[in-house]
């Protein structure tokens, strides 16, 4: 298997599962009035993934995660953000146009939330290190560059595609009823992730 297809499969394998990051990007696509308004979230998430991929391949993140105090700090901050985000989504009203507008985040808030769900999840970071970082060790030179760029390319395409899918849902769900159900499911997934992170402390 060449470095391109290897990177393609690995990146898809990591990014496809329904996690907090994916839920957040999809919701922003569905909630924001235009795709352009959701760009702060999608671009921030893609940049964060790009940084994590580069750090994993360079081996820097592996060194950082060896410090228990840093891992503990990331988990605590991550749990707080996830709990807050879950409550924000759960209690948002989405059964009317005004309700949908009340859930819309400003560009600044989108960036902060995208940063938190992307970088404050040690398990996602460790997955990136364990899968992409270790897999990159078999390549060098040009092949390693192809492998790296493929992983990054998949990440950018996925987040923008996910945002577009949310936008398409909004056009179909004119009453906002399905979006309300999706918000409840999203909040539950986010809370489960937070509990899983707390459990990892013990």
N, C-alpha and C. Protein backbone atom coordinates (compact mmCIF):
# COMPACT_ATOMS: atom_id res chain seq x y z
N UNK A 1 0.84 -1.19 0.00
CA UNK A 1 0.00 0.00 0.00
C UNK A 1 0.89 1.26 0.00
N UNK A 2 0.62 2.16 -0.92
CA UNK A 2 1.42 3.37 -1.02
C UNK A 2 1.10 4.36 0.09
N UNK A 3 1.93 5.37 0.29
CA UNK A 3 1.72 6.35 1.36
C UNK A 3 0.42 7.13 1.24
N UNK A 4 -0.05 7.35 -0.02
CA UNK A 4 -1.29 8.10 -0.21
C UNK A 4 -2.49 7.32 0.33
N UNK A 5 -2.65 6.07 -0.12
CA UNK A 5 -3.79 5.27 0.32
C UNK A 5 -3.68 4.89 1.79
N UNK A 6 -2.46 4.70 2.25
CA UNK A 6 -2.24 4.41 3.66
C UNK A 6 -2.72 5.59 4.52
N UNK A 7 -2.31 6.81 4.15
CA UNK A 7 -2.73 8.01 4.88
C UNK A 7 -4.23 8.24 4.78
N UNK A 8 -4.80 7.96 3.61
CA UNK A 8 -6.23 8.13 3.38
C UNK A 8 -7.05 7.24 4.32
N UNK A 9 -6.70 5.96 4.38
CA UNK A 9 -7.43 5.01 5.20
C UNK A 9 -7.27 5.30 6.69
N UNK A 10 -6.06 5.63 7.10
CA UNK A 10 -5.82 5.91 8.52
C UNK A 10 -6.56 7.17 8.97
N UNK A 11 -6.50 8.21 8.16
CA UNK A 11 -7.16 9.47 8.51
C UNK A 11 -8.67 9.30 8.59
N UNK A 12 -9.24 8.56 7.63
CA UNK A 12 -10.68 8.29 7.64
C UNK A 12 -11.06 7.46 8.86
N UNK A 13 -10.24 6.49 9.18
CA UNK A 13 -10.50 5.63 10.34
C UNK A 13 -10.54 6.41 11.64
N UNK A 14 -9.71 7.43 11.74
CA UNK A 14 -9.67 8.25 12.95
C UNK A 14 -10.79 9.28 13.01
N UNK A 15 -11.16 9.81 11.87
CA UNK A 15 -12.07 10.97 11.85
C UNK A 15 -13.54 10.59 11.69
N UNK A 16 -13.84 9.39 11.17
CA UNK A 16 -15.22 9.00 10.90
C UNK A 16 -16.08 8.76 12.14
N UNK A 17 -15.56 8.15 13.22
CA UNK A 17 -16.43 7.88 14.38
C UNK A 17 -17.10 9.14 14.90
N UNK A 18 -18.36 8.96 15.37
CA UNK A 18 -19.15 10.10 15.86
C UNK A 18 -18.61 10.55 17.21
N UNK A 19 -17.91 11.67 17.21
CA UNK A 19 -17.35 12.21 18.44
C UNK A 19 -17.78 13.65 18.64
N UNK A 20 -17.29 14.25 19.70
CA UNK A 20 -17.68 15.62 20.05
C UNK A 20 -17.34 16.61 18.94
N UNK A 21 -16.16 16.46 18.37
CA UNK A 21 -15.71 17.37 17.32
C UNK A 21 -16.63 17.32 16.11
N UNK A 22 -16.96 16.10 15.67
CA UNK A 22 -17.85 15.93 14.52
C UNK A 22 -19.25 16.47 14.80
N UNK A 23 -19.76 16.19 16.00
CA UNK A 23 -21.08 16.67 16.39
C UNK A 23 -21.14 18.20 16.37
N UNK A 24 -20.11 18.82 16.90
CA UNK A 24 -20.06 20.29 16.95
C UNK A 24 -20.05 20.90 15.55
N UNK A 25 -19.22 20.37 14.67
CA UNK A 25 -19.12 20.91 13.31
C UNK A 25 -20.43 20.72 12.55
N UNK A 26 -21.04 19.54 12.69
CA UNK A 26 -22.31 19.26 12.02
C UNK A 26 -23.39 20.23 12.52
N UNK A 27 -23.44 20.43 13.83
CA UNK A 27 -24.43 21.34 14.41
C UNK A 27 -24.25 22.77 13.91
N UNK A 28 -23.02 23.21 13.80
CA UNK A 28 -22.78 24.57 13.31
C UNK A 28 -23.23 24.72 11.86
N UNK A 29 -23.04 23.67 11.07
CA UNK A 29 -23.51 23.70 9.69
C UNK A 29 -25.02 23.82 9.62
N UNK A 30 -25.71 23.16 10.58
CA UNK A 30 -27.17 23.17 10.59
C UNK A 30 -27.74 24.45 11.20
N UNK A 31 -27.01 25.03 12.13
CA UNK A 31 -27.53 26.17 12.88
C UNK A 31 -27.22 27.52 12.23
N UNK A 32 -26.03 27.68 11.71
CA UNK A 32 -25.63 28.98 11.14
C UNK A 32 -26.44 29.29 9.88
N UNK A 33 -26.74 30.56 9.63
CA UNK A 33 -27.56 30.93 8.48
C UNK A 33 -26.93 30.63 7.12
N UNK A 34 -25.60 30.63 7.06
CA UNK A 34 -24.89 30.31 5.82
C UNK A 34 -23.65 29.48 6.14
N UNK A 35 -23.12 28.81 5.11
CA UNK A 35 -21.89 28.03 5.27
C UNK A 35 -20.75 28.94 5.70
N UNK A 36 -20.74 30.14 5.14
CA UNK A 36 -19.68 31.10 5.46
C UNK A 36 -19.64 31.42 6.95
N UNK A 37 -20.84 31.51 7.56
CA UNK A 37 -20.92 31.83 8.99
C UNK A 37 -20.38 30.70 9.87
N UNK A 38 -20.33 29.48 9.31
CA UNK A 38 -19.84 28.33 10.08
C UNK A 38 -18.35 28.07 9.85
N UNK A 39 -17.74 28.86 8.97
CA UNK A 39 -16.32 28.67 8.65
C UNK A 39 -15.38 28.78 9.85
N UNK A 40 -15.64 29.69 10.81
CA UNK A 40 -14.73 29.75 11.96
C UNK A 40 -14.59 28.41 12.67
N UNK A 41 -15.70 27.67 12.78
CA UNK A 41 -15.67 26.37 13.44
C UNK A 41 -14.93 25.33 12.60
N UNK A 42 -15.28 25.25 11.31
CA UNK A 42 -14.69 24.22 10.46
C UNK A 42 -13.20 24.46 10.22
N UNK A 43 -12.83 25.70 9.97
CA UNK A 43 -11.42 26.02 9.72
C UNK A 43 -10.58 25.80 10.98
N UNK A 44 -11.12 26.21 12.13
CA UNK A 44 -10.38 26.01 13.39
C UNK A 44 -10.17 24.53 13.68
N UNK A 45 -11.22 23.73 13.50
CA UNK A 45 -11.10 22.29 13.73
C UNK A 45 -10.08 21.66 12.79
N UNK A 46 -10.12 22.08 11.53
CA UNK A 46 -9.18 21.54 10.53
C UNK A 46 -7.74 21.94 10.85
N UNK A 47 -7.55 23.19 11.28
CA UNK A 47 -6.21 23.65 11.64
C UNK A 47 -5.69 22.88 12.86
N UNK A 48 -6.57 22.67 13.84
CA UNK A 48 -6.17 21.90 15.03
C UNK A 48 -5.74 20.49 14.66
N UNK A 49 -6.52 19.85 13.78
CA UNK A 49 -6.16 18.50 13.33
C UNK A 49 -4.83 18.51 12.58
N UNK A 50 -4.64 19.55 11.77
CA UNK A 50 -3.38 19.68 11.03
C UNK A 50 -2.20 19.77 11.99
N UNK A 51 -2.35 20.58 13.03
CA UNK A 51 -1.28 20.74 14.03
C UNK A 51 -1.02 19.42 14.75
N UNK A 52 -2.10 18.72 15.14
CA UNK A 52 -1.94 17.44 15.85
C UNK A 52 -1.25 16.40 14.98
N UNK A 53 -1.63 16.37 13.70
CA UNK A 53 -1.01 15.42 12.77
C UNK A 53 0.48 15.71 12.61
N UNK A 54 0.80 16.99 12.43
CA UNK A 54 2.21 17.37 12.27
C UNK A 54 3.02 17.07 13.53
N UNK A 55 2.43 17.36 14.70
CA UNK A 55 3.12 17.08 15.97
C UNK A 55 3.31 15.58 16.17
N UNK A 56 2.29 14.80 15.79
CA UNK A 56 2.38 13.35 15.94
C UNK A 56 3.48 12.78 15.05
N UNK A 57 3.54 13.26 13.82
CA UNK A 57 4.54 12.76 12.88
C UNK A 57 5.94 13.23 13.27
N UNK A 58 6.03 14.43 13.83
CA UNK A 58 7.32 14.94 14.28
C UNK A 58 7.73 14.36 15.63
N UNK A 59 6.76 13.74 16.32
CA UNK A 59 7.07 13.10 17.60
C UNK A 59 7.03 14.03 18.79
N UNK A 60 6.64 15.29 18.56
CA UNK A 60 6.63 16.27 19.65
C UNK A 60 5.53 15.96 20.67
N UNK A 61 4.33 15.61 20.17
CA UNK A 61 3.20 15.38 21.07
C UNK A 61 3.43 14.19 21.98
N UNK A 62 4.17 13.21 21.50
CA UNK A 62 4.47 12.03 22.32
C UNK A 62 5.27 12.43 23.55
N UNK A 63 6.18 13.35 23.38
CA UNK A 63 7.01 13.84 24.49
C UNK A 63 6.15 14.62 25.48
N UNK A 64 5.29 15.49 24.95
CA UNK A 64 4.44 16.33 25.80
C UNK A 64 3.51 15.49 26.67
N UNK A 65 2.89 14.45 26.07
CA UNK A 65 1.92 13.64 26.79
C UNK A 65 2.55 12.73 27.84
N UNK A 66 3.86 12.71 27.95
CA UNK A 66 4.52 11.92 28.98
C UNK A 66 4.43 12.59 30.35
N UNK A 67 4.09 13.88 30.37
CA UNK A 67 3.96 14.61 31.62
C UNK A 67 2.55 14.44 32.18
N UNK A 68 2.44 13.73 33.31
CA UNK A 68 1.14 13.43 33.90
C UNK A 68 0.37 14.69 34.29
N UNK A 69 1.07 15.70 34.80
CA UNK A 69 0.39 16.92 35.23
C UNK A 69 -0.26 17.64 34.06
N UNK A 70 0.38 17.57 32.90
CA UNK A 70 -0.17 18.22 31.71
C UNK A 70 -1.40 17.46 31.22
N UNK A 71 -1.31 16.15 31.24
CA UNK A 71 -2.44 15.31 30.84
C UNK A 71 -3.63 15.56 31.77
N UNK A 72 -3.37 15.63 33.08
CA UNK A 72 -4.42 15.88 34.06
C UNK A 72 -5.08 17.24 33.84
N UNK A 73 -4.27 18.24 33.57
CA UNK A 73 -4.78 19.59 33.31
C UNK A 73 -5.67 19.62 32.08
N UNK A 74 -5.23 18.95 31.02
CA UNK A 74 -6.01 18.90 29.78
C UNK A 74 -7.35 18.22 30.01
N UNK A 75 -7.34 17.14 30.78
CA UNK A 75 -8.58 16.40 31.04
C UNK A 75 -9.56 17.24 31.84
N UNK A 76 -9.09 17.89 32.91
CA UNK A 76 -9.97 18.71 33.75
C UNK A 76 -10.59 19.86 32.96
N UNK A 77 -9.77 20.58 32.21
CA UNK A 77 -10.27 21.70 31.40
C UNK A 77 -11.23 21.17 30.33
N UNK A 78 -10.88 20.05 29.73
CA UNK A 78 -11.71 19.45 28.69
C UNK A 78 -13.08 19.04 29.22
N UNK A 79 -13.13 18.45 30.41
CA UNK A 79 -14.39 18.03 31.02
C UNK A 79 -15.28 19.24 31.29
N UNK A 80 -14.70 20.30 31.82
CA UNK A 80 -15.47 21.53 32.11
C UNK A 80 -16.08 22.10 30.83
N UNK A 81 -15.30 22.17 29.77
CA UNK A 81 -15.79 22.68 28.49
C UNK A 81 -16.90 21.79 27.93
N UNK A 82 -16.71 20.48 28.02
CA UNK A 82 -17.69 19.54 27.47
C UNK A 82 -19.02 19.62 28.23
N UNK A 83 -18.95 19.70 29.56
CA UNK A 83 -20.17 19.81 30.35
C UNK A 83 -20.93 21.10 30.00
N UNK A 84 -20.20 22.18 29.89
CA UNK A 84 -20.80 23.48 29.54
C UNK A 84 -21.42 23.42 28.15
N UNK A 85 -20.68 22.86 27.21
CA UNK A 85 -21.15 22.77 25.83
C UNK A 85 -22.40 21.89 25.74
N UNK A 86 -22.42 20.78 26.49
CA UNK A 86 -23.57 19.88 26.50
C UNK A 86 -24.83 20.58 26.99
N UNK A 87 -24.72 21.35 28.08
CA UNK A 87 -25.86 22.09 28.61
C UNK A 87 -26.33 23.17 27.64
N UNK A 88 -25.39 23.83 26.98
CA UNK A 88 -25.74 24.85 25.99
C UNK A 88 -26.59 24.26 24.88
N UNK A 89 -26.18 23.10 24.39
CA UNK A 89 -26.88 22.45 23.28
C UNK A 89 -28.21 21.85 23.74
N UNK A 90 -28.22 21.22 24.92
CA UNK A 90 -29.42 20.54 25.42
C UNK A 90 -30.58 21.52 25.63
N UNK A 91 -30.28 22.67 26.23
CA UNK A 91 -31.34 23.61 26.58
C UNK A 91 -31.64 24.64 25.49
N UNK A 92 -30.95 24.55 24.37
CA UNK A 92 -31.23 25.47 23.26
C UNK A 92 -32.57 25.13 22.64
N UNK A 93 -33.35 26.15 22.35
CA UNK A 93 -34.65 25.94 21.70
C UNK A 93 -34.44 25.89 20.20
N UNK A 94 -35.05 24.87 19.57
CA UNK A 94 -34.84 24.74 18.12
C UNK A 94 -36.13 24.46 17.36
N UNK A 95 -37.26 24.76 17.96
CA UNK A 95 -38.54 24.47 17.30
C UNK A 95 -39.12 25.68 16.57
N UNK A 96 -38.31 26.71 16.42
CA UNK A 96 -38.75 27.89 15.68
C UNK A 96 -37.55 28.61 15.11
N UNK A 97 -37.80 29.53 14.22
CA UNK A 97 -36.71 30.28 13.61
C UNK A 97 -35.94 31.08 14.66
N UNK A 98 -36.69 31.67 15.63
CA UNK A 98 -36.03 32.44 16.69
C UNK A 98 -35.20 31.53 17.57
N UNK A 99 -35.68 30.29 17.76
CA UNK A 99 -34.92 29.33 18.56
C UNK A 99 -33.62 28.97 17.90
N UNK A 100 -33.68 28.78 16.61
CA UNK A 100 -32.47 28.45 15.86
C UNK A 100 -31.48 29.60 15.95
N UNK A 101 -31.99 30.82 15.86
CA UNK A 101 -31.11 31.98 15.95
C UNK A 101 -30.45 32.07 17.32
N UNK A 102 -31.18 31.62 18.37
CA UNK A 102 -30.63 31.70 19.72
C UNK A 102 -29.46 30.75 19.92
N UNK A 103 -29.37 29.71 19.07
CA UNK A 103 -28.29 28.74 19.20
C UNK A 103 -27.06 29.14 18.40
N UNK A 104 -27.20 30.13 17.55
CA UNK A 104 -26.09 30.52 16.69
C UNK A 104 -24.96 31.14 17.51
N UNK A 105 -23.75 30.65 17.27
CA UNK A 105 -22.59 31.16 17.99
C UNK A 105 -21.88 32.22 17.17
N UNK A 106 -21.29 33.16 17.87
CA UNK A 106 -20.47 34.16 17.18
C UNK A 106 -19.20 33.48 16.68
N UNK A 107 -18.48 34.15 15.80
CA UNK A 107 -17.23 33.58 15.27
C UNK A 107 -16.24 33.28 16.39
N UNK A 108 -16.15 34.19 17.35
CA UNK A 108 -15.22 34.02 18.46
C UNK A 108 -15.58 32.80 19.30
N UNK A 109 -16.87 32.63 19.57
CA UNK A 109 -17.32 31.50 20.38
C UNK A 109 -17.12 30.19 19.63
N UNK A 110 -17.36 30.20 18.32
CA UNK A 110 -17.12 29.00 17.51
C UNK A 110 -15.66 28.57 17.60
N UNK A 111 -14.76 29.55 17.51
CA UNK A 111 -13.33 29.26 17.54
C UNK A 111 -12.93 28.66 18.89
N UNK A 112 -13.45 29.26 19.98
CA UNK A 112 -13.13 28.76 21.33
C UNK A 112 -13.64 27.34 21.52
N UNK A 113 -14.88 27.07 21.10
CA UNK A 113 -15.45 25.74 21.24
C UNK A 113 -14.71 24.73 20.36
N UNK A 114 -14.39 25.13 19.14
CA UNK A 114 -13.66 24.23 18.24
C UNK A 114 -12.29 23.89 18.81
N UNK A 115 -11.62 24.88 19.38
CA UNK A 115 -10.32 24.64 20.01
C UNK A 115 -10.45 23.67 21.18
N UNK A 116 -11.51 23.86 21.98
CA UNK A 116 -11.67 23.03 23.17
C UNK A 116 -11.96 21.57 22.81
N UNK A 117 -12.85 21.34 21.85
CA UNK A 117 -13.19 19.95 21.50
C UNK A 117 -12.09 19.29 20.68
N UNK A 118 -11.21 20.09 20.10
CA UNK A 118 -10.13 19.53 19.29
C UNK A 118 -8.86 19.26 20.08
N UNK A 119 -8.54 20.17 21.01
CA UNK A 119 -7.25 20.10 21.70
C UNK A 119 -7.33 19.67 23.15
N UNK A 120 -8.53 19.71 23.76
CA UNK A 120 -8.65 19.35 25.17
C UNK A 120 -9.18 17.95 25.36
N UNK A 121 -8.86 17.08 24.43
CA UNK A 121 -9.26 15.67 24.53
C UNK A 121 -8.01 14.80 24.41
N UNK A 122 -7.40 14.44 25.54
CA UNK A 122 -6.16 13.66 25.51
C UNK A 122 -6.29 12.34 24.76
N UNK A 123 -7.50 11.75 24.80
CA UNK A 123 -7.68 10.47 24.12
C UNK A 123 -7.58 10.62 22.60
N UNK A 124 -8.13 11.72 22.09
CA UNK A 124 -8.02 11.98 20.65
C UNK A 124 -6.57 12.24 20.27
N UNK A 125 -5.86 12.96 21.15
CA UNK A 125 -4.45 13.25 20.89
C UNK A 125 -3.64 11.96 20.88
N UNK A 126 -3.91 11.09 21.85
CA UNK A 126 -3.19 9.82 21.93
C UNK A 126 -3.50 8.92 20.74
N UNK A 127 -4.77 8.99 20.27
CA UNK A 127 -5.14 8.22 19.07
C UNK A 127 -4.34 8.69 17.86
N UNK A 128 -4.20 10.00 17.74
CA UNK A 128 -3.44 10.56 16.62
C UNK A 128 -1.98 10.12 16.69
N UNK A 129 -1.42 10.16 17.91
CA UNK A 129 -0.03 9.74 18.09
C UNK A 129 0.13 8.26 17.78
N UNK A 130 -0.77 7.46 18.38
CA UNK A 130 -0.66 6.01 18.24
C UNK A 130 -0.87 5.49 16.84
N UNK A 131 -1.78 6.13 16.10
CA UNK A 131 -2.10 5.63 14.76
C UNK A 131 -1.28 6.34 13.68
N UNK A 132 -1.45 7.65 13.57
CA UNK A 132 -0.75 8.39 12.52
C UNK A 132 0.73 8.54 12.81
N UNK A 133 1.05 8.90 14.06
CA UNK A 133 2.45 9.08 14.43
C UNK A 133 3.29 7.84 14.24
N UNK A 134 2.79 6.72 14.76
CA UNK A 134 3.55 5.47 14.65
C UNK A 134 3.59 4.95 13.22
N UNK A 135 2.49 5.13 12.48
CA UNK A 135 2.44 4.65 11.09
C UNK A 135 3.39 5.43 10.19
N UNK A 136 3.63 6.68 10.53
CA UNK A 136 4.52 7.51 9.70
C UNK A 136 5.98 7.07 9.80
N UNK A 137 6.29 6.27 10.82
CA UNK A 137 7.67 5.84 11.03
C UNK A 137 8.20 4.95 9.91
N UNK A 138 7.28 4.35 9.15
CA UNK A 138 7.71 3.45 8.07
C UNK A 138 8.10 4.23 6.82
N UNK A 139 7.84 5.54 6.82
CA UNK A 139 8.15 6.36 5.65
C UNK A 139 9.26 7.37 5.94
N UNK A 140 9.88 7.83 4.88
CA UNK A 140 10.89 8.87 4.99
C UNK A 140 10.90 9.68 3.69
N UNK A 141 11.45 10.88 3.76
CA UNK A 141 11.57 11.71 2.56
C UNK A 141 10.25 12.05 1.91
N UNK A 142 10.19 11.84 0.60
CA UNK A 142 9.02 12.20 -0.20
C UNK A 142 7.79 11.40 0.23
N UNK A 143 7.95 10.12 0.50
CA UNK A 143 6.82 9.28 0.91
C UNK A 143 6.20 9.77 2.22
N UNK A 144 7.03 10.19 3.13
CA UNK A 144 6.53 10.69 4.42
C UNK A 144 5.75 11.98 4.21
N UNK A 145 6.20 12.81 3.28
CA UNK A 145 5.50 14.06 2.98
C UNK A 145 4.13 13.77 2.36
N UNK A 146 4.08 12.79 1.45
CA UNK A 146 2.82 12.40 0.82
C UNK A 146 1.84 11.88 1.87
N UNK A 147 2.34 11.03 2.77
CA UNK A 147 1.53 10.45 3.84
C UNK A 147 0.96 11.57 4.73
N UNK A 148 1.80 12.50 5.10
CA UNK A 148 1.40 13.61 5.97
C UNK A 148 0.35 14.49 5.30
N UNK A 149 0.60 14.90 4.06
CA UNK A 149 -0.31 15.79 3.35
C UNK A 149 -1.66 15.12 3.09
N UNK A 150 -1.64 13.80 2.86
CA UNK A 150 -2.89 13.07 2.64
C UNK A 150 -3.76 13.09 3.90
N UNK A 151 -3.15 12.84 5.05
CA UNK A 151 -3.88 12.87 6.32
C UNK A 151 -4.49 14.25 6.56
N UNK A 152 -3.74 15.28 6.28
CA UNK A 152 -4.22 16.65 6.47
C UNK A 152 -5.34 16.98 5.48
N UNK A 153 -5.18 16.55 4.24
CA UNK A 153 -6.19 16.78 3.20
C UNK A 153 -7.53 16.14 3.57
N UNK A 154 -7.48 14.91 4.06
CA UNK A 154 -8.69 14.20 4.47
C UNK A 154 -9.41 14.97 5.58
N UNK A 155 -8.64 15.47 6.52
CA UNK A 155 -9.20 16.21 7.65
C UNK A 155 -9.96 17.46 7.18
N UNK A 156 -9.33 18.24 6.31
CA UNK A 156 -9.97 19.46 5.81
C UNK A 156 -11.22 19.15 5.01
N UNK A 157 -11.17 18.15 4.16
CA UNK A 157 -12.34 17.76 3.35
C UNK A 157 -13.48 17.27 4.23
N UNK A 158 -13.14 16.48 5.24
CA UNK A 158 -14.15 15.90 6.11
C UNK A 158 -14.93 16.98 6.88
N UNK A 159 -14.23 17.90 7.51
CA UNK A 159 -14.91 18.91 8.31
C UNK A 159 -15.79 19.83 7.48
N UNK A 160 -15.31 20.21 6.30
CA UNK A 160 -16.13 21.06 5.44
C UNK A 160 -17.32 20.28 4.87
N UNK A 161 -17.12 19.00 4.59
CA UNK A 161 -18.23 18.16 4.12
C UNK A 161 -19.27 17.95 5.21
N UNK A 162 -18.81 17.79 6.43
CA UNK A 162 -19.71 17.60 7.57
C UNK A 162 -20.55 18.86 7.81
N UNK A 163 -19.93 20.00 7.67
CA UNK A 163 -20.63 21.27 7.81
C UNK A 163 -21.68 21.43 6.72
N UNK A 164 -21.34 21.04 5.51
CA UNK A 164 -22.27 21.10 4.38
C UNK A 164 -23.46 20.16 4.61
N UNK A 165 -23.19 18.98 5.18
CA UNK A 165 -24.26 18.02 5.48
C UNK A 165 -25.23 18.62 6.49
N UNK A 166 -24.71 19.33 7.48
CA UNK A 166 -25.56 20.00 8.45
C UNK A 166 -26.41 21.07 7.80
N UNK A 167 -25.83 21.77 6.85
CA UNK A 167 -26.55 22.82 6.12
C UNK A 167 -27.70 22.22 5.30
N UNK A 168 -27.45 21.08 4.67
CA UNK A 168 -28.48 20.40 3.88
C UNK A 168 -29.62 19.92 4.77
N UNK A 169 -29.29 19.46 5.98
CA UNK A 169 -30.31 19.04 6.93
C UNK A 169 -31.22 20.21 7.29
N UNK A 170 -30.64 21.37 7.46
CA UNK A 170 -31.41 22.56 7.81
C UNK A 170 -32.44 22.88 6.74
N UNK A 171 -32.07 22.68 5.48
CA UNK A 171 -32.99 22.98 4.37
C UNK A 171 -34.16 22.00 4.34
N UNK A 172 -33.90 20.75 4.73
CA UNK A 172 -34.95 19.73 4.74
C UNK A 172 -35.84 19.88 5.97
N UNK A 173 -35.22 20.14 7.12
CA UNK A 173 -35.93 20.25 8.39
C UNK A 173 -36.36 21.70 8.64
N UNK A 174 -37.42 22.12 7.96
CA UNK A 174 -37.85 23.52 8.04
C UNK A 174 -38.47 23.88 9.39
N UNK A 175 -39.02 22.90 10.11
CA UNK A 175 -39.66 23.18 11.40
C UNK A 175 -38.65 23.23 12.54
N UNK A 176 -37.49 22.64 12.34
CA UNK A 176 -36.49 22.61 13.40
C UNK A 176 -36.69 21.48 14.38
N UNK A 177 -37.71 20.61 14.12
CA UNK A 177 -38.01 19.51 15.05
C UNK A 177 -36.88 18.48 15.08
N UNK A 178 -36.39 18.10 13.90
CA UNK A 178 -35.32 17.10 13.85
C UNK A 178 -34.04 17.66 14.45
N UNK A 179 -33.80 18.94 14.23
CA UNK A 179 -32.61 19.58 14.79
C UNK A 179 -32.66 19.56 16.31
N UNK A 180 -33.87 19.71 16.86
CA UNK A 180 -34.03 19.64 18.31
C UNK A 180 -33.66 18.27 18.85
N UNK A 181 -34.10 17.22 18.14
CA UNK A 181 -33.76 15.85 18.54
C UNK A 181 -32.25 15.63 18.42
N UNK A 182 -31.69 16.14 17.33
CA UNK A 182 -30.25 16.01 17.11
C UNK A 182 -29.46 16.69 18.22
N UNK A 183 -29.96 17.83 18.68
CA UNK A 183 -29.28 18.54 19.77
C UNK A 183 -29.26 17.71 21.05
N UNK A 184 -30.38 17.04 21.35
CA UNK A 184 -30.44 16.20 22.54
C UNK A 184 -29.43 15.05 22.44
N UNK A 185 -29.39 14.42 21.27
CA UNK A 185 -28.45 13.31 21.05
C UNK A 185 -27.02 13.82 21.15
N UNK A 186 -26.78 14.98 20.56
CA UNK A 186 -25.44 15.58 20.59
C UNK A 186 -24.99 15.86 22.02
N UNK A 187 -25.90 16.41 22.82
CA UNK A 187 -25.58 16.73 24.22
C UNK A 187 -25.24 15.46 25.00
N UNK A 188 -26.00 14.39 24.75
CA UNK A 188 -25.75 13.12 25.44
C UNK A 188 -24.38 12.56 25.07
N UNK A 189 -24.04 12.62 23.79
CA UNK A 189 -22.73 12.15 23.33
C UNK A 189 -21.62 12.95 24.00
N UNK A 190 -21.82 14.26 24.09
CA UNK A 190 -20.82 15.14 24.70
C UNK A 190 -20.65 14.81 26.18
N UNK A 191 -21.77 14.58 26.89
CA UNK A 191 -21.69 14.26 28.32
C UNK A 191 -21.03 12.90 28.55
N UNK A 192 -21.35 11.94 27.68
CA UNK A 192 -20.72 10.61 27.80
C UNK A 192 -19.22 10.73 27.63
N UNK A 193 -18.81 11.55 26.67
CA UNK A 193 -17.38 11.78 26.45
C UNK A 193 -16.73 12.40 27.68
N UNK A 194 -17.43 13.35 28.30
CA UNK A 194 -16.91 13.99 29.52
C UNK A 194 -16.76 12.97 30.64
N UNK A 195 -17.77 12.10 30.81
CA UNK A 195 -17.71 11.07 31.85
C UNK A 195 -16.58 10.09 31.60
N UNK A 196 -16.38 9.76 30.33
CA UNK A 196 -15.29 8.84 29.96
C UNK A 196 -13.94 9.45 30.32
N UNK A 197 -13.82 10.75 30.10
CA UNK A 197 -12.57 11.44 30.43
C UNK A 197 -12.34 11.47 31.94
N UNK A 198 -13.44 11.67 32.72
CA UNK A 198 -13.32 11.66 34.18
C UNK A 198 -12.91 10.27 34.66
N UNK A 199 -13.52 9.25 34.07
CA UNK A 199 -13.21 7.86 34.44
C UNK A 199 -11.74 7.54 34.23
N UNK A 200 -11.14 8.14 33.22
CA UNK A 200 -9.74 7.86 32.90
C UNK A 200 -8.78 8.38 33.99
N UNK A 201 -9.31 9.23 34.89
CA UNK A 201 -8.48 9.76 35.97
C UNK A 201 -8.30 8.76 37.10
N UNK A 202 -9.18 7.75 37.14
CA UNK A 202 -9.14 6.80 38.25
C UNK A 202 -8.66 5.42 37.81
